[in-house]
Amino acid sequence: MINPETPVRELGERALLKHLRSRVPSGPGVEIGIGDDAAAIETSPITLVTTDCLVEGVHFLREWAPARLVGRKALTVNLSDIAAMAGTPRHAVVSLCLPPDLPLWWVDGLYDGLLERSAETGVTIVGGNLAVSISQIVVDITLLGQGGDKLMRRSGAVPGDLVVVSGALGAAAAGLKLLAQGARLDEDGFLHKTGVWTESSARAVTHCLRALLDPNPPLAFSRALAEQDIVHAGMDLSDGLSGDLRTLCDESDVSAWVDAAALPVDGAAASLERARGGDAASLALHGGEDYQLLLAVPPDRLDALRDVAVIWDIPTTVVGEFAPGPSALLLKKGGSLLPLTAQSHDHFRARPATGGEPATRP
């Protein structure tokens, strides 16, 4: 039995790899899993491939995000990409860059979350890589999925299509503010510290922290929409509605307007923002990390979309409309249409902390 406090530098690469390999079960479609130079898996005629990473100091801080939740989110952000194209996730490879003083218990916690989320979604981890880093943890995942007969793409929106979003927006952005104010979840996702908030706000605080640290995208919903040919285009909402809508407009060569009054602002985020005099609508519009769906829906298919949404228990909201290009955004507010500047996250443009918020995006 290895002492969980053992730093990975004392354990060594081979022993750590052997330890992690012992934890990973095999799955369907896997001819060769972890242990050889490459995995051997069965793939479908259309294979979707996506990759994303979580970098300590950029996407998370160890003192803010429990290891298990980092593991769950690392896989979830990739699951959201496959789901946004109406695919089925199947196989993942996990590459870890670890500082030498990192204790084994943190790595095990990370894998607790990875394996838990993979079991929930039918994904098999089939390989990866281990490397040392100078000081920061990097969790890099590549996910392969099975594409169906119809894929949902960012191109395809046409003038007259409705701008539709699933779920509620703004809770994850509120969660980031809460982390900066000292609120914390424990490894199991339960509230550990309320930060500057009182116990009366505990439910709202917990909800927003979970939205950020353990997101739950509508993974199967888009497959049903694609199978019934309900949408013209779509993508997941990861960088904020304004930025992602601009991306969809760019890919489809259309413009769009959004009705500020129609935004489905998350109720918990709204209540916390009201208490501190903030603007919850701004969080919903620009906050990011909601991992919901942004869709271009023909008006004559809106009822069909709502019928499918009821079956999957997914709230959907019409927030605007696509118009002829070139790509541009407008915000409908009080009867006027005003220019709307996309404020999506950009890794290579430094954004200084403001109002007590960190530049980091856990």
Protein backbone atom coordinates (compact mmCIF):
# COMPACT_ATOMS: atom_id res chain seq x y z
CA MET A 1 0.00 0.00 0.00
CA ILE A 2 1.54 3.31 -1.07
CA ASN A 3 1.43 6.19 1.41
CA PRO A 4 -0.87 8.80 -0.19
CA GLU A 5 1.41 11.57 1.07
CA THR A 6 4.30 10.25 -1.05
CA PRO A 7 5.46 12.91 -3.55
CA VAL A 8 5.43 11.69 -7.14
CA ARG A 9 9.19 12.32 -7.40
CA GLU A 10 9.77 9.64 -4.75
CA LEU A 11 7.31 7.28 -6.36
CA GLY A 12 8.84 7.62 -9.82
CA GLU A 13 7.26 7.48 -13.27
CA ARG A 14 7.08 3.69 -13.62
CA ALA A 15 5.53 3.12 -10.21
CA LEU A 16 3.02 5.95 -10.72
CA LEU A 17 2.07 4.60 -14.14
CA LYS A 18 1.62 1.10 -12.70
CA HIS A 19 -0.50 2.52 -9.89
CA LEU A 20 -2.77 4.48 -12.26
CA ARG A 21 -3.01 1.58 -14.72
CA SER A 22 -4.30 -0.64 -11.92
CA ARG A 23 -7.17 1.77 -11.38
CA VAL A 24 -8.40 2.03 -14.99
CA PRO A 25 -10.92 -0.60 -16.17
CA SER A 26 -11.13 -1.81 -19.75
CA GLY A 27 -14.22 -1.14 -21.84
CA PRO A 28 -16.06 -2.15 -25.01
CA GLY A 29 -14.28 -1.61 -28.29
CA VAL A 30 -10.81 -1.69 -26.69
CA GLU A 31 -8.46 -4.28 -28.18
CA ILE A 32 -5.36 -2.93 -26.40
CA GLY A 33 -5.56 -0.43 -23.55
CA ILE A 34 -2.93 1.07 -21.28
CA GLY A 35 0.52 -0.53 -21.35
CA ASP A 36 1.68 -0.56 -24.97
CA ASP A 37 3.07 2.22 -27.15
CA ALA A 38 -0.43 2.97 -28.39
CA ALA A 39 -3.98 1.86 -27.68
CA ALA A 40 -5.89 -0.24 -30.22
CA ILE A 41 -9.59 0.58 -30.38
CA GLU A 42 -12.53 0.02 -32.67
CA THR A 43 -13.73 3.25 -34.28
CA SER A 44 -16.87 4.19 -36.15
CA PRO A 45 -17.06 5.31 -39.80
CA ILE A 46 -17.22 8.89 -38.49
CA THR A 47 -14.89 9.50 -35.54
CA LEU A 48 -15.02 12.81 -33.70
CA VAL A 49 -11.79 13.98 -32.04
CA THR A 50 -11.45 16.80 -29.54
CA THR A 51 -8.86 17.86 -27.00
CA ASP A 52 -8.80 20.27 -24.10
CA CYS A 53 -6.62 20.85 -21.07
CA LEU A 54 -6.87 22.33 -17.61
CA VAL A 55 -3.79 24.25 -16.53
CA GLU A 56 -3.14 25.13 -12.92
CA GLY A 57 -3.02 28.89 -12.47
CA VAL A 58 -5.10 29.42 -15.63
CA HIS A 59 -8.13 27.15 -15.24
CA PHE A 60 -7.91 26.18 -11.59
CA LEU A 61 -6.05 26.74 -8.35
CA ARG A 62 -5.35 23.83 -6.03
CA GLU A 63 -6.60 25.76 -3.02
CA TRP A 64 -9.87 26.54 -4.83
CA ALA A 65 -10.70 23.33 -6.68
CA PRO A 66 -10.64 19.86 -5.07
CA ALA A 67 -8.72 17.29 -7.11
CA ARG A 68 -11.77 15.08 -7.70
CA LEU A 69 -13.72 17.98 -9.18
CA VAL A 70 -10.75 18.94 -11.40
CA GLY A 71 -10.82 15.38 -12.75
CA ARG A 72 -14.56 15.48 -13.41
CA LYS A 73 -14.36 18.84 -15.15
CA ALA A 74 -11.32 17.89 -17.24
CA LEU A 75 -13.34 15.15 -18.90
CA THR A 76 -16.61 17.10 -18.94
CA VAL A 77 -15.29 20.00 -21.03
CA ASN A 78 -14.30 17.46 -23.69
CA LEU A 79 -17.63 15.65 -23.40
CA SER A 80 -19.35 18.96 -24.08
CA ASP A 81 -17.47 19.33 -27.39
CA ILE A 82 -18.48 15.86 -28.61
CA ALA A 83 -22.07 16.43 -27.49
CA ALA A 84 -22.21 19.79 -29.28
CA MET A 85 -21.61 17.95 -32.57
CA ALA A 86 -24.31 15.39 -31.78
CA GLY A 87 -21.77 12.64 -31.14
CA THR A 88 -21.38 9.86 -28.61
CA PRO A 89 -18.18 9.93 -26.48
CA ARG A 90 -16.23 6.67 -26.38
CA HIS A 91 -12.48 6.69 -25.64
CA ALA A 92 -10.11 9.11 -23.88
CA VAL A 93 -6.37 9.47 -23.41
CA VAL A 94 -5.09 11.45 -20.44
CA SER A 95 -1.74 13.25 -20.30
CA LEU A 96 -0.57 14.64 -16.98
CA CYS A 97 2.24 17.10 -16.31
CA LEU A 98 2.94 16.98 -12.59
CA PRO A 99 5.26 18.97 -10.31
CA PRO A 100 7.63 16.59 -8.50
CA ASP A 101 6.43 17.56 -5.01
CA LEU A 102 2.77 16.76 -5.77
CA PRO A 103 1.50 14.14 -3.28
CA LEU A 104 -0.01 10.91 -4.59
CA TRP A 105 -3.34 11.61 -2.89
CA TRP A 106 -3.90 14.57 -5.23
CA VAL A 107 -3.30 12.41 -8.31
CA ASP A 108 -5.60 9.73 -6.91
CA GLY A 109 -8.27 12.35 -6.26
CA LEU A 110 -7.96 13.54 -9.84
CA TYR A 111 -8.41 9.99 -11.10
CA ASP A 112 -11.37 9.48 -8.75
CA GLY A 113 -13.12 12.26 -10.64
CA LEU A 114 -11.95 11.14 -14.08
CA LEU A 115 -13.06 7.55 -13.57
CA GLU A 116 -16.33 8.56 -11.97
CA ARG A 117 -17.24 10.85 -14.88
CA SER A 118 -16.10 8.31 -17.45
CA ALA A 119 -18.29 5.62 -15.86
CA GLU A 120 -21.29 7.98 -15.90
CA THR A 121 -20.87 8.68 -19.61
CA GLY A 122 -19.66 5.35 -21.02
CA VAL A 123 -16.12 6.55 -21.76
CA THR A 124 -13.09 4.29 -21.50
CA ILE A 125 -9.65 5.70 -20.67
CA VAL A 126 -7.27 3.88 -22.99
CA GLY A 127 -3.90 5.57 -22.46
CA GLY A 128 -2.03 8.82 -21.98
CA ASN A 129 1.29 10.15 -20.80
CA LEU A 130 3.14 11.27 -17.68
CA ALA A 131 5.67 14.10 -17.59
CA VAL A 132 7.22 16.34 -14.98
CA SER A 133 6.47 20.06 -14.88
CA ILE A 134 8.38 22.82 -13.13
CA SER A 135 5.58 23.93 -10.83
CA GLN A 136 2.11 23.63 -12.37
CA ILE A 137 -0.28 20.75 -12.95
CA VAL A 138 -1.55 20.24 -16.50
CA VAL A 139 -4.39 17.81 -17.22
CA ASP A 140 -4.63 17.30 -20.99
CA ILE A 141 -7.35 15.02 -22.40
CA THR A 142 -8.07 13.88 -25.94
CA LEU A 143 -11.53 12.39 -26.40
CA LEU A 144 -12.74 10.30 -29.33
CA GLY A 145 -16.43 10.04 -30.09
CA GLN A 146 -18.72 8.32 -32.52
CA GLY A 147 -20.39 10.59 -35.06
CA GLY A 148 -23.90 9.89 -36.26
CA ASP A 149 -25.41 10.27 -39.71
CA LYS A 150 -26.02 13.95 -39.01
CA LEU A 151 -23.50 16.17 -37.26
CA MET A 152 -24.31 19.54 -35.73
CA ARG A 153 -21.85 22.20 -36.90
CA ARG A 154 -21.21 25.89 -36.29
CA SER A 155 -21.85 26.70 -39.94
CA GLY A 156 -25.38 26.52 -41.33
CA ALA A 157 -27.35 29.27 -39.56
CA VAL A 158 -29.42 31.38 -41.98
CA PRO A 159 -31.19 34.72 -41.63
CA GLY A 160 -34.51 34.23 -39.90
CA ASP A 161 -33.32 31.37 -37.70
CA LEU A 162 -33.99 31.85 -33.99
CA VAL A 163 -31.15 32.11 -31.50
CA VAL A 164 -31.94 29.48 -28.86
CA VAL A 165 -30.00 28.48 -25.74
CA SER A 166 -30.47 25.54 -23.43
CA GLY A 167 -30.48 25.77 -19.65
CA ALA A 168 -29.74 28.86 -17.58
CA LEU A 169 -26.69 31.09 -17.89
CA GLY A 170 -24.41 32.94 -15.50
CA ALA A 171 -24.04 30.52 -12.59
CA ALA A 172 -20.46 29.50 -13.43
CA ALA A 173 -19.35 33.12 -13.72
CA ALA A 174 -20.97 33.81 -10.34
CA GLY A 175 -19.12 30.77 -8.99
CA LEU A 176 -15.78 32.28 -9.99
CA LYS A 177 -16.60 35.41 -8.00
CA LEU A 178 -17.54 33.24 -5.03
CA LEU A 179 -14.20 31.42 -5.12
CA ALA A 180 -12.42 34.77 -5.05
CA GLN A 181 -14.49 35.64 -1.98
CA GLY A 182 -13.42 32.52 -0.09
CA ALA A 183 -16.30 30.12 -0.78
CA ARG A 184 -15.23 26.49 -1.22
CA LEU A 185 -16.61 23.05 -2.03
CA ASP A 186 -15.17 19.85 -0.58
CA GLU A 187 -14.09 16.80 -2.62
CA ASP A 188 -17.68 15.53 -2.72
CA GLY A 189 -19.09 18.79 -4.03
CA PHE A 190 -20.66 19.91 -0.77
CA LEU A 191 -20.25 23.40 0.62
CA HIS A 192 -17.18 23.65 2.85
CA LYS A 193 -16.90 27.43 3.29
CA THR A 194 -19.37 30.20 2.49
CA GLY A 195 -16.69 32.90 2.25
CA VAL A 196 -18.21 36.34 2.81
CA TRP A 197 -21.75 34.99 2.53
CA THR A 198 -24.04 33.92 5.37
CA GLU A 199 -25.58 30.48 5.79
CA SER A 200 -28.86 31.82 4.40
CA SER A 201 -27.18 32.01 1.00
CA ALA A 202 -25.65 28.52 1.25
CA ARG A 203 -27.92 26.91 -1.34
CA ALA A 204 -27.28 29.59 -3.96
CA VAL A 205 -23.54 29.58 -3.23
CA THR A 206 -23.35 25.79 -3.56
CA HIS A 207 -25.28 25.84 -6.84
CA CYS A 208 -23.00 28.41 -8.45
CA LEU A 209 -19.80 26.76 -7.23
CA ARG A 210 -20.96 23.41 -8.63
CA ALA A 211 -21.87 25.06 -11.95
CA LEU A 212 -18.26 26.18 -12.28
CA LEU A 213 -16.34 23.28 -10.75
CA ASP A 214 -18.55 20.36 -11.80
CA PRO A 215 -20.58 21.40 -14.88
CA ASN A 216 -23.30 19.13 -16.25
CA PRO A 217 -23.82 19.71 -20.00
CA PRO A 218 -26.90 18.33 -21.80
CA LEU A 219 -24.88 15.54 -23.39
CA ALA A 220 -27.59 13.58 -25.22
CA PHE A 221 -29.94 16.43 -26.16
CA SER A 222 -28.11 17.52 -29.31
CA ARG A 223 -28.09 13.97 -30.70
CA ALA A 224 -31.87 13.92 -30.56
CA LEU A 225 -32.04 17.32 -32.27
CA ALA A 226 -29.69 16.21 -35.06
CA GLU A 227 -31.52 12.94 -35.62
CA GLN A 228 -34.77 14.84 -36.18
CA ASP A 229 -33.14 17.56 -38.31
CA ILE A 230 -34.38 20.31 -35.99
CA VAL A 231 -31.46 22.76 -35.99
CA HIS A 232 -29.40 24.39 -38.73
CA ALA A 233 -26.30 24.99 -36.59
CA GLY A 234 -25.09 24.79 -33.01
CA MET A 235 -22.17 24.78 -30.59
CA ASP A 236 -21.52 24.56 -26.88
CA LEU A 237 -21.43 27.66 -24.69
CA SER A 238 -17.99 27.66 -23.08
CA ASP A 239 -16.62 31.18 -23.62
CA GLY A 240 -19.78 33.20 -22.96
CA LEU A 241 -22.93 33.77 -25.03
CA SER A 242 -21.68 36.97 -26.66
CA GLY A 243 -18.38 35.46 -27.75
CA ASP A 244 -19.75 32.09 -28.83
CA LEU A 245 -22.63 33.69 -30.73
CA ARG A 246 -20.10 35.83 -32.60
CA THR A 247 -18.16 32.65 -33.44
CA LEU A 248 -21.29 30.98 -34.79
CA CYS A 249 -22.09 34.10 -36.83
CA ASP A 250 -18.55 34.12 -38.24
CA GLU A 251 -18.81 30.48 -39.29
CA SER A 252 -22.27 30.94 -40.83
CA ASP A 253 -21.65 34.40 -42.33
CA VAL A 254 -24.69 35.91 -40.62
CA SER A 255 -25.35 38.54 -37.96
CA ALA A 256 -27.59 38.24 -34.90
CA TRP A 257 -29.43 40.25 -32.29
CA VAL A 258 -30.10 39.24 -28.68
CA ASP A 259 -32.97 40.44 -26.48
CA ALA A 260 -31.55 41.37 -23.07
CA ALA A 261 -34.94 40.82 -21.44
CA ALA A 262 -35.11 37.24 -22.75
CA LEU A 263 -31.79 36.01 -21.32
CA PRO A 264 -32.34 32.93 -19.10
CA VAL A 265 -30.33 34.23 -16.15
CA ASP A 266 -29.68 31.55 -13.55
CA GLY A 267 -31.84 32.20 -10.48
CA ALA A 268 -29.13 31.57 -7.89
CA ALA A 269 -26.66 33.80 -9.72
CA ALA A 270 -29.30 36.51 -10.02
CA SER A 271 -30.08 36.45 -6.29
CA LEU A 272 -26.40 36.70 -5.33
CA GLU A 273 -25.76 39.50 -7.84
CA ARG A 274 -28.76 41.49 -6.56
CA ALA A 275 -27.44 41.17 -3.00
CA ARG A 276 -24.11 42.73 -3.97
CA GLY A 277 -25.50 45.24 -6.46
CA GLY A 278 -24.10 43.48 -9.51
CA ASP A 279 -25.50 42.76 -12.97
CA ALA A 280 -26.55 39.14 -13.41
CA ALA A 281 -27.54 39.77 -17.03
CA SER A 282 -23.93 40.65 -17.79
CA LEU A 283 -22.82 37.32 -16.30
CA ALA A 284 -25.31 35.49 -18.51
CA LEU A 285 -24.19 37.38 -21.60
CA HIS A 286 -20.43 37.37 -21.14
CA GLY A 287 -19.55 35.09 -18.21
CA GLY A 288 -18.73 31.79 -19.89
CA GLU A 289 -18.23 28.18 -18.77
CA ASP A 290 -21.96 27.45 -18.83
CA TYR A 291 -21.48 24.41 -21.12
CA GLN A 292 -25.01 24.67 -22.44
CA LEU A 293 -25.99 24.67 -26.14
CA LEU A 294 -26.31 27.59 -28.53
CA LEU A 295 -28.61 26.72 -31.45
CA ALA A 296 -29.85 28.18 -34.74
CA VAL A 297 -33.43 26.95 -35.06
CA PRO A 298 -35.80 27.57 -37.99
CA PRO A 299 -39.05 29.09 -36.67
CA ASP A 300 -41.11 26.24 -38.10
CA ARG A 301 -39.02 23.73 -36.10
CA LEU A 302 -39.32 25.50 -32.74
CA ASP A 303 -42.26 23.38 -31.57
CA ALA A 304 -40.37 20.22 -32.51
CA LEU A 305 -37.37 21.42 -30.49
CA ARG A 306 -39.57 22.11 -27.49
CA ASP A 307 -41.14 18.65 -27.75
CA VAL A 308 -37.70 17.02 -27.63
CA ALA A 309 -36.60 19.36 -24.82
CA VAL A 310 -39.56 18.25 -22.70
CA ILE A 311 -38.59 14.60 -23.15
CA TRP A 312 -35.02 15.31 -22.00
CA ASP A 313 -36.15 17.81 -19.34
CA ILE A 314 -33.95 20.53 -20.85
CA PRO A 315 -35.14 24.16 -20.58
CA THR A 316 -34.77 26.10 -23.84
CA THR A 317 -35.15 29.83 -24.46
CA VAL A 318 -35.41 31.92 -27.62
CA VAL A 319 -33.10 34.87 -26.98
CA GLY A 320 -32.86 36.48 -30.42
CA GLU A 321 -32.70 36.01 -34.17
CA PHE A 322 -30.13 35.63 -36.91
CA ALA A 323 -30.04 38.23 -39.68
CA PRO A 324 -28.10 38.72 -42.95
CA GLY A 325 -24.32 39.12 -42.71
CA PRO A 326 -21.66 40.28 -42.42
CA SER A 327 -21.03 38.91 -38.93
CA ALA A 328 -22.08 41.38 -36.21
CA LEU A 329 -23.97 41.40 -32.91
CA LEU A 330 -26.70 43.69 -31.62
CA LEU A 331 -28.38 43.86 -28.20
CA LYS A 332 -32.08 44.66 -27.99
CA LYS A 333 -32.65 46.77 -24.91
CA GLY A 334 -35.70 48.92 -24.15
CA GLY A 335 -36.89 48.89 -27.74
CA SER A 336 -33.50 49.88 -29.17
CA LEU A 337 -30.87 47.82 -30.93
CA LEU A 338 -27.38 48.65 -29.68
CA PRO A 339 -24.00 47.31 -30.82
CA LEU A 340 -22.95 44.31 -28.73
CA THR A 341 -19.24 43.65 -28.29
CA ALA A 342 -18.28 40.02 -27.85
CA GLN A 343 -16.36 39.52 -24.61
CA SER A 344 -15.28 35.91 -24.87
CA HIS A 345 -12.26 34.60 -23.00
CA ASP A 346 -8.95 34.87 -24.87
CA HIS A 347 -6.00 32.94 -23.42
CA PHE A 348 -3.45 35.25 -25.02
CA ARG A 349 -4.92 38.58 -23.97
CA ALA A 350 -4.15 39.37 -20.36
CA ARG A 351 -7.17 40.58 -18.42
CA PRO A 352 -6.20 42.13 -15.08
CA ALA A 353 -8.21 41.27 -12.01
CA THR A 354 -10.97 43.76 -11.24
CA GLY A 355 -13.35 44.12 -8.36
CA GLY A 356 -11.57 41.48 -6.33
CA GLU A 357 -11.86 38.91 -9.14
CA PRO A 358 -8.81 36.91 -10.25
CA ALA A 359 -7.59 36.82 -13.81
CA THR A 360 -7.59 33.02 -13.42
CA ARG A 361 -10.55 31.07 -14.82
CA PRO A 362 -10.85 27.89 -12.71
